[in-house]
Each structure stands twice: as structure tokens, then as C-alpha cells.
Amino acid sequence: MNRNSNAYTFIFAIILVVIVATLLAFVSESTKEKRANNVKLEKMQNILSTIGIDVSREESGEVFKDYIKQELSVKEDGSVDAGVKAFGIDLKNETKKSSNEQRYPIYIAEKEGKKYYVVPLYGAGLWDAIWGYMSFAEDKNTIVGASFDHKGETPGLGAEINQSWFEDQFIGKKIMNGSDFVSVKVIKGGTPADNFHGVDGISGGTITSDGVSDMIEERLKNYLPYLKNN
């Protein structure tokens, strides 16, 4: 075949694309299990971080079982669905279901003789999904720790939700005012230190800040029946 012909160029390009696609598919499949395990370990690491346990991703698998004593899947009415494994719940897919069909994972931890409740969060930021974890003291009201992350928020603005200066503001805040659920709001322009239901917003990241507020309120309200009765 004439190497200077269009047909030769076309066939060569097709063969090259097929070879590259095959190699990429092979690499993706061969690393699939490792990537899935890394996601699992990172999830454990983030859950532990909300109760003040700072470990590497590699260490989190062993440490997780030392502190997390129960993993529950809660129904809308507050009862526990023993047939659903909490750790395996994908919130991205779960939030697409109606509230009565969803299962709400909650992790019960014990540290230094105290009990903590860790709730996963999932919502929408400015550009894409945001998510995180929030832990509560035994009173099921006081926030002990928070961890947030995002898929594509703006660097230096909304992306700041995963920085410690933002996350640490939630420590000590409360989601209840007496018997009323009021959640915790991210407030543009700042909030007084004695406001137990608000934290300072991110300058220039108003939509992402609002997304965090909405995410926390929407997710936590689903746990109220369980938290009030257990």
C-alpha cells in the first residue's frame, strides 16, 4: 500500500486509536480494584477525622474498626434497616430517590469512653457536587467535627470548603434550638462567635457557601427521627 496515500493514513490512524484504547482499557481494569480500595480508605479517613482521629489513608483501614462500633442504615421513620450495609450506600445515587426509599447511613463511634454520631453529607455547590461528614457529641446536638470536599469548586473561593479554617468553625455549633431543628448556616459577611447556629461564609464563594448550608440542613433533617428516639 502506498504510504503517501490517504487510505494508508486513515488505516494507520484507526489502528493506532484501537491500540491506545485497548491499552487504556487494560490499565483502567487492572487498577480498578486498587482505586476502589483507595476510595474506601479515604472515606474511612474522613469519617475518623471528624472525631479528631488523624491518620494517613493507608492506616485508616486498621484504625477505623477501633473507633467505629456501629454502621447503621436508617429509614425515614428512624428505624434501622438491617438488610442494608451503611458503608456501601452511594449518596450520589441515594439522593435521587424519594425520601421514604432512601437509606441514611450513620456511624456510631466510641473514643475515650464517649460516644459520637457521624453523618455523611451530599449536596450541590456552584459547579458540581459537594460532600462531607459531620460528627456529633452524645447529646446528638453539638458538632464535634466536620469534613467537606468538592468535585469542581473555584480555587481560592468555593474550593475553600475543604480547608481547616472553614471546617473548624463548625466545632461546638449546635443544630437544635431547644426542641427545634435549626441546623447550622454558613453566613455571608460573618457571624458573632456566640451564634451557635452560624459560621462565617467564604468571601467570593456565596453560592458554594449556600450549597453547604442547604446540604447540611437537607441531610440532617432526615436523621431527626432516629436521633430523637435513640
Foldseek 3Di string as FASTA:
>chain_A
DDCPDPVNVVVVVVVVVVVVVVVVVVVCVVCVVVVVLLVLLVVLQQQVVQQPDHDDSVCSVVVSCVWFDDKFWAALLQDTDPVDGRSPDDVVVQVVDPRRPHTFIWTWTADPRWIKIKGKWWWAFDPGIKIWIWMDGPLNWFTRWIAIADDDDDPPFLRCCRPCVNGVLRGGATQDDVPHGNAAAADDPADDSPHSRYGHHTVVRVRRRRGVRVRRVVNVVSNVSNSVPD
